[in-house]
PDB file of N, CA and C in Angstrom:
ATOM      1  N   UNK A   1      27.174  -7.568 -14.320  1.00  0.00           N
ATOM      2  CA  UNK A   1      25.496  -7.586 -14.255  1.00  0.00           C
ATOM      3  C   UNK A   1      25.259  -6.160 -14.642  1.00  0.00           C
ATOM      4  N   UNK A   2      24.522  -6.249 -15.715  1.00  0.00           N
ATOM      5  CA  UNK A   2      23.622  -4.542 -16.261  1.00  0.00           C
ATOM      6  C   UNK A   2      22.324  -4.621 -15.687  1.00  0.00           C
ATOM      7  N   UNK A   3      21.835  -3.546 -15.383  1.00  0.00           N
ATOM      8  CA  UNK A   3      20.361  -3.051 -14.648  1.00  0.00           C
ATOM      9  C   UNK A   3      19.382  -3.122 -15.781  1.00  0.00           C
ATOM     10  N   UNK A   4      18.410  -3.783 -16.076  1.00  0.00           N
ATOM     11  CA  UNK A   4      17.467  -3.692 -16.870  1.00  0.00           C
ATOM     12  C   UNK A   4      16.714  -2.324 -16.664  1.00  0.00           C
ATOM     13  N   UNK A   5      16.332  -1.944 -17.947  1.00  0.00           N
ATOM     14  CA  UNK A   5      15.564  -0.350 -18.012  1.00  0.00           C
ATOM     15  C   UNK A   5      13.975  -0.683 -17.748  1.00  0.00           C
ATOM     16  N   UNK A   6      13.511   0.474 -17.226  1.00  0.00           N
ATOM     17  CA  UNK A   6      12.283   0.341 -16.801  1.00  0.00           C
ATOM     18  C   UNK A   6      11.673   1.183 -18.252  1.00  0.00           C
ATOM     19  N   UNK A   7      10.697   0.501 -18.825  1.00  0.00           N
ATOM     20  CA  UNK A   7       9.873   0.715 -20.066  1.00  0.00           C
ATOM     21  C   UNK A   7       8.740   0.994 -19.562  1.00  0.00           C
ATOM     22  N   UNK A   8       8.482   2.518 -19.998  1.00  0.00           N
ATOM     23  CA  UNK A   8       7.309   3.365 -19.763  1.00  0.00           C
ATOM     24  C   UNK A   8       6.383   3.141 -20.877  1.00  0.00           C
ATOM     25  N   UNK A   9       4.920   3.131 -20.766  1.00  0.00           N
ATOM     26  CA  UNK A   9       4.208   3.135 -21.728  1.00  0.00           C
ATOM     27  C   UNK A   9       2.808   3.793 -21.545  1.00  0.00           C
ATOM     28  N   UNK A  10       1.982   4.090 -22.360  1.00  0.00           N
ATOM     29  CA  UNK A  10       0.347   4.574 -22.193  1.00  0.00           C
ATOM     30  C   UNK A  10      -0.577   3.260 -22.328  1.00  0.00           C
ATOM     31  N   UNK A  11      -1.613   3.538 -21.665  1.00  0.00           N
ATOM     32  CA  UNK A  11      -2.346   2.338 -21.917  1.00  0.00           C
ATOM     33  C   UNK A  11      -2.920   2.022 -23.197  1.00  0.00           C
ATOM     34  N   UNK A  12      -2.987   3.026 -24.214  1.00  0.00           N
ATOM     35  CA  UNK A  12      -3.421   3.245 -25.545  1.00  0.00           C
ATOM     36  C   UNK A  12      -1.991   2.273 -26.163  1.00  0.00           C
ATOM     37  N   UNK A  13      -0.805   2.713 -25.904  1.00  0.00           N
ATOM     38  CA  UNK A  13       0.311   1.765 -26.608  1.00  0.00           C
ATOM     39  C   UNK A  13       0.225   0.496 -26.109  1.00  0.00           C
ATOM     40  N   UNK A  14       0.107   0.348 -24.761  1.00  0.00           N
ATOM     41  CA  UNK A  14      -0.235  -1.145 -24.350  1.00  0.00           C
ATOM     42  C   UNK A  14      -1.135  -1.952 -24.919  1.00  0.00           C
ATOM     43  N   UNK A  15      -2.738  -1.455 -25.386  1.00  0.00           N
ATOM     44  CA  UNK A  15      -3.371  -2.090 -25.872  1.00  0.00           C
ATOM     45  C   UNK A  15      -3.259  -2.469 -27.288  1.00  0.00           C
ATOM     46  N   UNK A  16      -2.128  -1.675 -27.962  1.00  0.00           N
ATOM     47  CA  UNK A  16      -2.047  -1.804 -29.479  1.00  0.00           C
ATOM     48  C   UNK A  16      -0.836  -2.871 -29.450  1.00  0.00           C
ATOM     49  N   UNK A  17       0.010  -2.738 -28.514  1.00  0.00           N
ATOM     50  CA  UNK A  17       1.111  -3.909 -28.755  1.00  0.00           C
ATOM     51  C   UNK A  17       1.700  -4.701 -27.347  1.00  0.00           C
ATOM     52  N   UNK A  18       0.329  -5.363 -26.939  1.00  0.00           N
ATOM     53  CA  UNK A  18       0.223  -6.023 -25.698  1.00  0.00           C
ATOM     54  C   UNK A  18       1.342  -7.208 -26.197  1.00  0.00           C
ATOM     55  N   UNK A  19       1.217  -7.952 -26.801  1.00  0.00           N
ATOM     56  CA  UNK A  19       2.208  -9.252 -27.280  1.00  0.00           C
ATOM     57  C   UNK A  19       3.518  -8.651 -26.935  1.00  0.00           C
ATOM     58  N   UNK A  20       4.121  -7.321 -27.469  1.00  0.00           N
ATOM     59  CA  UNK A  20       5.385  -7.050 -27.210  1.00  0.00           C
ATOM     60  C   UNK A  20       5.810  -6.623 -25.741  1.00  0.00           C
ATOM     61  N   UNK A  21       4.732  -5.900 -25.179  1.00  0.00           N
ATOM     62  CA  UNK A  21       4.925  -5.645 -23.689  1.00  0.00           C
ATOM     63  C   UNK A  21       4.871  -7.158 -22.701  1.00  0.00           C
ATOM     64  N   UNK A  22       4.179  -7.890 -22.985  1.00  0.00           N
ATOM     65  CA  UNK A  22       4.097  -9.239 -22.184  1.00  0.00           C
ATOM     66  C   UNK A  22       5.399  -9.828 -22.607  1.00  0.00           C
ATOM     67  N   UNK A  23       5.926  -9.802 -23.569  1.00  0.00           N
ATOM     68  CA  UNK A  23       7.346 -10.604 -23.956  1.00  0.00           C
ATOM     69  C   UNK A  23       8.102 -10.021 -23.219  1.00  0.00           C
ATOM     70  N   UNK A  24       8.467  -8.338 -23.060  1.00  0.00           N
ATOM     71  CA  UNK A  24       9.513  -7.761 -22.456  1.00  0.00           C
ATOM     72  C   UNK A  24       9.324  -8.071 -20.786  1.00  0.00           C
ATOM     73  N   UNK A  25       8.316  -8.279 -20.585  1.00  0.00           N
ATOM     74  CA  UNK A  25       8.125  -8.662 -19.063  1.00  0.00           C
ATOM     75  C   UNK A  25       8.187 -10.029 -18.583  1.00  0.00           C
ATOM     76  N   UNK A  26       8.293 -10.957 -19.660  1.00  0.00           N
ATOM     77  CA  UNK A  26       8.586 -12.424 -19.759  1.00  0.00           C
ATOM     78  C   UNK A  26      10.177 -12.335 -19.537  1.00  0.00           C
ATOM     79  N   UNK A  27      10.951 -11.155 -20.168  1.00  0.00           N
ATOM     80  CA  UNK A  27      12.339 -11.245 -20.231  1.00  0.00           C
ATOM     81  C   UNK A  27      12.867 -10.562 -18.990  1.00  0.00           C
ATOM     82  N   UNK A  28      12.088 -10.455 -18.111  1.00  0.00           N
ATOM     83  CA  UNK A  28      12.475  -9.327 -16.880  1.00  0.00           C
ATOM     84  C   UNK A  28      12.436  -8.107 -16.884  1.00  0.00           C
ATOM     85  N   UNK A  29      12.225  -7.393 -18.120  1.00  0.00           N
ATOM     86  CA  UNK A  29      12.167  -5.851 -17.857  1.00  0.00           C
ATOM     87  C   UNK A  29      10.959  -5.543 -17.238  1.00  0.00           C
ATOM     88  N   UNK A  30      10.932  -4.478 -16.577  1.00  0.00           N
ATOM     89  CA  UNK A  30      10.020  -3.572 -15.583  1.00  0.00           C
ATOM     90  C   UNK A  30       9.262  -2.714 -16.953  1.00  0.00           C
ATOM     91  N   UNK A  31       8.022  -3.248 -16.812  1.00  0.00           N
ATOM     92  CA  UNK A  31       6.998  -2.457 -17.767  1.00  0.00           C
ATOM     93  C   UNK A  31       5.947  -1.722 -16.819  1.00  0.00           C
ATOM     94  N   UNK A  32       5.963  -0.510 -17.126  1.00  0.00           N
ATOM     95  CA  UNK A  32       5.108   0.657 -16.524  1.00  0.00           C
ATOM     96  C   UNK A  32       4.067   1.145 -17.528  1.00  0.00           C
ATOM     97  N   UNK A  33       2.892   1.069 -16.903  1.00  0.00           N
ATOM     98  CA  UNK A  33       1.672   1.096 -18.294  1.00  0.00           C
ATOM     99  C   UNK A  33       1.048   2.480 -17.183  1.00  0.00           C
ATOM    100  N   UNK A  34       0.981   3.543 -18.077  1.00  0.00           N
ATOM    101  CA  UNK A  34       0.313   5.020 -17.403  1.00  0.00           C
ATOM    102  C   UNK A  34      -1.026   4.886 -18.172  1.00  0.00           C
ATOM    103  N   UNK A  35      -1.677   5.021 -16.728  1.00  0.00           N
ATOM    104  CA  UNK A  35      -3.180   5.128 -17.691  1.00  0.00           C
ATOM    105  C   UNK A  35      -3.829   6.611 -17.059  1.00  0.00           C
ATOM    106  N   UNK A  36      -3.867   7.587 -17.948  1.00  0.00           N
ATOM    107  CA  UNK A  36      -4.124   8.970 -17.617  1.00  0.00           C
ATOM    108  C   UNK A  36      -2.974   9.418 -16.770  1.00  0.00           C
ATOM    109  N   UNK A  37      -3.518  10.659 -16.008  1.00  0.00           N
ATOM    110  CA  UNK A  37      -2.360  11.044 -15.409  1.00  0.00           C
ATOM    111  C   UNK A  37      -2.286  10.833 -13.691  1.00  0.00           C
ATOM    112  N   UNK A  38      -3.385   9.730 -13.212  1.00  0.00           N
ATOM    113  CA  UNK A  38      -3.319   9.332 -12.066  1.00  0.00           C
ATOM    114  C   UNK A  38      -3.266   8.047 -11.882  1.00  0.00           C
ATOM    115  N   UNK A  39      -3.211   7.087 -12.565  1.00  0.00           N
ATOM    116  CA  UNK A  39      -3.069   5.821 -12.443  1.00  0.00           C
ATOM    117  C   UNK A  39      -1.475   5.094 -13.250  1.00  0.00           C
ATOM    118  N   UNK A  40      -0.976   4.095 -12.592  1.00  0.00           N
ATOM    119  CA  UNK A  40       0.275   3.743 -13.053  1.00  0.00           C
ATOM    120  C   UNK A  40       0.192   2.166 -12.494  1.00  0.00           C
ATOM    121  N   UNK A  41       0.273   1.299 -13.358  1.00  0.00           N
ATOM    122  CA  UNK A  41       0.557  -0.145 -13.073  1.00  0.00           C
ATOM    123  C   UNK A  41       1.912  -0.647 -13.528  1.00  0.00           C
ATOM    124  N   UNK A  42       2.302  -1.929 -13.103  1.00  0.00           N
ATOM    125  CA  UNK A  42       3.673  -2.723 -13.500  1.00  0.00           C
ATOM    126  C   UNK A  42       3.106  -3.807 -13.627  1.00  0.00           C
ATOM    127  N   UNK A  43       3.767  -4.314 -15.204  1.00  0.00           N
ATOM    128  CA  UNK A  43       3.341  -5.576 -15.528  1.00  0.00           C
ATOM    129  C   UNK A  43       4.476  -6.487 -15.093  1.00  0.00           C
ATOM    130  N   UNK A  44       3.585  -7.554 -14.317  1.00  0.00           N
ATOM    131  CA  UNK A  44       4.625  -8.277 -13.741  1.00  0.00           C
ATOM    132  C   UNK A  44       4.287  -9.910 -13.918  1.00  0.00           C
ATOM    133  N   UNK A  45       5.188 -10.775 -14.580  1.00  0.00           N
ATOM    134  CA  UNK A  45       4.778 -12.319 -14.804  1.00  0.00           C
ATOM    135  C   UNK A  45       4.340 -12.625 -13.341  1.00  0.00           C
ATOM    136  N   UNK A  46       3.684 -14.006 -13.042  1.00  0.00           N
ATOM    137  CA  UNK A  46       3.616 -14.561 -11.814  1.00  0.00           C
ATOM    138  C   UNK A  46       3.509 -16.077 -12.488  1.00  0.00           C
ATOM    139  N   UNK A  47       3.938 -17.057 -11.597  1.00  0.00           N
ATOM    140  CA  UNK A  47       3.801 -18.176 -11.705  1.00  0.00           C
ATOM    141  C   UNK A  47       2.787 -18.881 -10.992  1.00  0.00           C
ATOM    142  N   UNK A  48       2.307 -20.037 -11.274  1.00  0.00           N
ATOM    143  CA  UNK A  48       1.532 -21.076 -10.543  1.00  0.00           C
ATOM    144  C   UNK A  48       1.465 -20.904  -8.918  1.00  0.00           C
ATOM    145  N   UNK A  49       2.739 -20.787  -8.462  1.00  0.00           N
ATOM    146  CA  UNK A  49       2.931 -20.734  -7.209  1.00  0.00           C
ATOM    147  C   UNK A  49       2.499 -19.405  -6.620  1.00  0.00           C
ATOM    148  N   UNK A  50       2.742 -18.481  -7.242  1.00  0.00           N
ATOM    149  CA  UNK A  50       2.487 -17.270  -6.689  1.00  0.00           C
ATOM    150  C   UNK A  50       0.966 -17.056  -6.341  1.00  0.00           C
ATOM    151  N   UNK A  51       0.090 -17.965  -6.923  1.00  0.00           N
ATOM    152  CA  UNK A  51      -0.991 -17.729  -6.958  1.00  0.00           C
ATOM    153  C   UNK A  51      -1.643 -18.342  -5.571  1.00  0.00           C
ATOM    154  N   UNK A  52      -0.719 -19.114  -4.883  1.00  0.00           N
ATOM    155  CA  UNK A  52      -1.037 -20.025  -3.854  1.00  0.00           C
ATOM    156  C   UNK A  52      -0.161 -19.577  -2.561  1.00  0.00           C
ATOM    157  N   UNK A  53       0.770 -18.995  -2.902  1.00  0.00           N
ATOM    158  CA  UNK A  53       1.702 -18.866  -1.673  1.00  0.00           C
ATOM    159  C   UNK A  53       2.055 -17.398  -1.398  1.00  0.00           C
ATOM    160  N   UNK A  54       1.845 -17.059  -0.058  1.00  0.00           N
ATOM    161  CA  UNK A  54       2.040 -15.782   0.136  1.00  0.00           C
ATOM    162  C   UNK A  54       3.514 -15.595   0.556  1.00  0.00           C
ATOM    163  N   UNK A  55       4.053 -14.514   0.591  1.00  0.00           N
ATOM    164  CA  UNK A  55       5.477 -14.500   1.065  1.00  0.00           C
ATOM    165  C   UNK A  55       5.921 -15.053   2.191  1.00  0.00           C
ATOM    166  N   UNK A  56       5.201 -14.883   3.212  1.00  0.00           N
ATOM    167  CA  UNK A  56       5.031 -15.469   4.592  1.00  0.00           C
ATOM    168  C   UNK A  56       5.075 -16.615   4.517  1.00  0.00           C
ATOM    169  N   UNK A  57       4.396 -17.305   3.681  1.00  0.00           N
ATOM    170  CA  UNK A  57       4.259 -19.082   3.519  1.00  0.00           C
ATOM    171  C   UNK A  57       5.497 -19.434   3.046  1.00  0.00           C
ATOM    172  N   UNK A  58       5.908 -18.718   2.031  1.00  0.00           N
ATOM    173  CA  UNK A  58       7.322 -18.851   1.582  1.00  0.00           C
ATOM    174  C   UNK A  58       8.268 -19.127   2.444  1.00  0.00           C
ATOM    175  N   UNK A  59       8.119 -17.775   3.417  1.00  0.00           N
ATOM    176  CA  UNK A  59       9.488 -17.849   4.183  1.00  0.00           C
ATOM    177  C   UNK A  59       9.467 -18.968   5.570  1.00  0.00           C
ATOM    178  N   UNK A  60       8.254 -19.433   5.671  1.00  0.00           N
ATOM    179  CA  UNK A  60       7.772 -20.205   6.833  1.00  0.00           C
ATOM    180  C   UNK A  60       8.397 -21.676   6.119  1.00  0.00           C
ATOM    181  N   UNK A  61       8.086 -21.869   4.852  1.00  0.00           N
ATOM    182  CA  UNK A  61       8.610 -23.224   4.212  1.00  0.00           C
ATOM    183  C   UNK A  61      10.259 -23.100   4.267  1.00  0.00           C
ATOM    184  N   UNK A  62      10.804 -22.258   3.931  1.00  0.00           N
ATOM    185  CA  UNK A  62      12.324 -22.170   3.894  1.00  0.00           C
ATOM    186  C   UNK A  62      13.117 -22.213   5.585  1.00  0.00           C
ATOM    187  N   UNK A  63      12.172 -21.838   6.495  1.00  0.00           N
ATOM    188  CA  UNK A  63      12.665 -22.026   8.037  1.00  0.00           C
ATOM    189  C   UNK A  63      12.373 -23.456   8.374  1.00  0.00           C
ATOM    190  N   UNK A  64      11.341 -24.056   7.860  1.00  0.00           N
ATOM    191  CA  UNK A  64      11.084 -25.550   7.918  1.00  0.00           C
ATOM    192  C   UNK A  64      12.068 -26.467   7.261  1.00  0.00           C
ATOM    193  N   UNK A  65      12.495 -26.079   6.235  1.00  0.00           N
ATOM    194  CA  UNK A  65      13.561 -27.035   5.285  1.00  0.00           C
ATOM    195  C   UNK A  65      15.001 -26.443   6.207  1.00  0.00           C
ATOM    196  N   UNK A  66      15.048 -25.414   6.693  1.00  0.00           N
ATOM    197  CA  UNK A  66      16.383 -25.152   7.406  1.00  0.00           C
ATOM    198  C   UNK A  66      16.239 -25.975   8.693  1.00  0.00           C
ATOM    199  N   UNK A  67      15.237 -26.134   9.536  1.00  0.00           N
ATOM    200  CA  UNK A  67      15.402 -27.037  10.466  1.00  0.00           C
ATOM    201  C   UNK A  67      15.287 -28.616  10.382  1.00  0.00           C
ATOM    202  N   UNK A  68      14.642 -28.726   9.273  1.00  0.00           N
ATOM    203  CA  UNK A  68      15.014 -30.099   8.909  1.00  0.00           C
ATOM    204  C   UNK A  68      16.491 -30.497   8.509  1.00  0.00           C
ATOM    205  N   UNK A  69      16.998 -29.670   8.089  1.00  0.00           N
ATOM    206  CA  UNK A  69      18.559 -29.791   7.702  1.00  0.00           C
ATOM    207  C   UNK A  69      19.389 -29.900   9.119  1.00  0.00           C
ATOM    208  N   UNK A  70      18.758 -29.003  10.133  1.00  0.00           N
ATOM    209  CA  UNK A  70      19.585 -29.030  11.570  1.00  0.00           C
ATOM    210  C   UNK A  70      18.990 -30.063  12.478  1.00  0.00           C
ATOM    211  N   UNK A  71      18.197 -30.924  11.456  1.00  0.00           N
ATOM    212  CA  UNK A  71      17.857 -32.170  12.771  1.00  0.00           C
ATOM    213  C   UNK A  71      16.631 -31.716  13.696  1.00  0.00           C
ATOM    214  N   UNK A  72      16.096 -30.580  13.510  1.00  0.00           N
ATOM    215  CA  UNK A  72      15.272 -30.111  14.428  1.00  0.00           C
ATOM    216  C   UNK A  72      13.802 -30.718  14.028  1.00  0.00           C
ATOM    217  N   UNK A  73      13.747 -32.029  13.832  1.00  0.00           N
ATOM    218  CA  UNK A  73      12.368 -32.615  13.257  1.00  0.00           C
ATOM    219  C   UNK A  73      12.135 -34.143  13.561  1.00  0.00           C
ATOM    220  N   UNK A  74      10.955 -34.200  13.773  1.00  0.00           N
ATOM    221  CA  UNK A  74      10.877 -35.928  13.967  1.00  0.00           C
ATOM    222  C   UNK A  74      10.547 -36.548  12.886  1.00  0.00           C
ATOM    223  N   UNK A  75      10.643 -37.834  12.367  1.00  0.00           N
ATOM    224  CA  UNK A  75      10.367 -38.750  11.630  1.00  0.00           C
ATOM    225  C   UNK A  75       9.956 -39.982  12.115  1.00  0.00           C
ATOM    226  N   UNK A  76       8.802 -40.502  11.589  1.00  0.00           N
ATOM    227  CA  UNK A  76       8.213 -41.723  11.843  1.00  0.00           C
ATOM    228  C   UNK A  76       8.583 -42.838  10.597  1.00  0.00           C
ATOM    229  N   UNK A  77       8.777 -44.075  11.336  1.00  0.00           N
ATOM    230  CA  UNK A  77       8.830 -45.063  10.026  1.00  0.00           C
ATOM    231  C   UNK A  77       7.395 -45.886   9.891  1.00  0.00           C
ATOM    232  N   UNK A  78       6.325 -45.619  10.754  1.00  0.00           N
ATOM    233  CA  UNK A  78       5.088 -45.922  10.378  1.00  0.00           C
ATOM    234  C   UNK A  78       3.962 -44.998  11.061  1.00  0.00           C
ATOM    235  N   UNK A  79       2.781 -45.408  10.728  1.00  0.00           N
ATOM    236  CA  UNK A  79       1.625 -44.832  11.299  1.00  0.00           C
ATOM    237  C   UNK A  79       1.595 -44.925  12.885  1.00  0.00           C
ATOM    238  N   UNK A  80       1.699 -46.200  13.390  1.00  0.00           N
ATOM    239  CA  UNK A  80       1.801 -46.387  14.576  1.00  0.00           C
ATOM    240  C   UNK A  80       2.655 -45.738  15.583  1.00  0.00           C
ATOM    241  N   UNK A  81       3.989 -45.551  15.167  1.00  0.00           N
ATOM    242  CA  UNK A  81       4.786 -44.629  15.647  1.00  0.00           C
ATOM    243  C   UNK A  81       4.104 -43.310  15.921  1.00  0.00           C
ATOM    244  N   UNK A  82       3.806 -42.677  14.815  1.00  0.00           N
ATOM    245  CA  UNK A  82       3.180 -41.600  14.683  1.00  0.00           C
ATOM    246  C   UNK A  82       1.801 -41.201  15.663  1.00  0.00           C
ATOM    247  N   UNK A  83       0.999 -42.083  15.859  1.00  0.00           N
ATOM    248  CA  UNK A  83       0.154 -42.242  16.720  1.00  0.00           C
ATOM    249  C   UNK A  83       0.469 -42.008  17.982  1.00  0.00           C
ATOM    250  N   UNK A  84       1.788 -43.056  18.585  1.00  0.00           N
ATOM    251  CA  UNK A  84       2.178 -43.115  19.586  1.00  0.00           C
ATOM    252  C   UNK A  84       2.616 -41.841  20.087  1.00  0.00           C
ATOM    253  N   UNK A  85       3.192 -41.034  19.167  1.00  0.00           N
ATOM    254  CA  UNK A  85       3.800 -39.677  19.420  1.00  0.00           C
ATOM    255  C   UNK A  85       2.767 -38.536  19.826  1.00  0.00           C
ATOM    256  N   UNK A  86       1.674 -38.724  19.020  1.00  0.00           N
ATOM    257  CA  UNK A  86       0.880 -37.373  19.225  1.00  0.00           C
ATOM    258  C   UNK A  86       0.018 -38.195  20.543  1.00  0.00           C
ATOM    259  N   UNK A  87      -0.122 -39.273  20.699  1.00  0.00           N
ATOM    260  CA  UNK A  87      -1.033 -39.493  22.124  1.00  0.00           C
ATOM    261  C   UNK A  87      -0.020 -39.294  23.481  1.00  0.00           C
ATOM    262  N   UNK A  88       1.368 -39.240  23.111  1.00  0.00           N
ATOM    263  CA  UNK A  88       2.054 -38.721  24.228  1.00  0.00           C
ATOM    264  C   UNK A  88       2.190 -37.344  24.559  1.00  0.00           C
ATOM    265  N   UNK A  89       1.795 -36.493  23.825  1.00  0.00           N
ATOM    266  CA  UNK A  89       1.540 -35.126  23.893  1.00  0.00           C
ATOM    267  C   UNK A  89       0.722 -34.453  24.967  1.00  0.00           C
TER     268      UNK A  89
END
């Protein structure tokens, strides 16, 4: 597997060729945009899921899925069963 290159550009070049830089980022290239001498940004595509789930939430979901695989869960066949369970707590 070869490593992707880091592509650096200026904010001016980015404005002139936005479409090209977005396409590179979509392909997995790391695009770094320099704005003057003090600010630097990384262009990163995100999915709809990225807007709603933090890394911590994603990790907790993975842990819960593993617990289910290990049989560390409770399932109910009816709402009545679930109600009885919660009343017993």
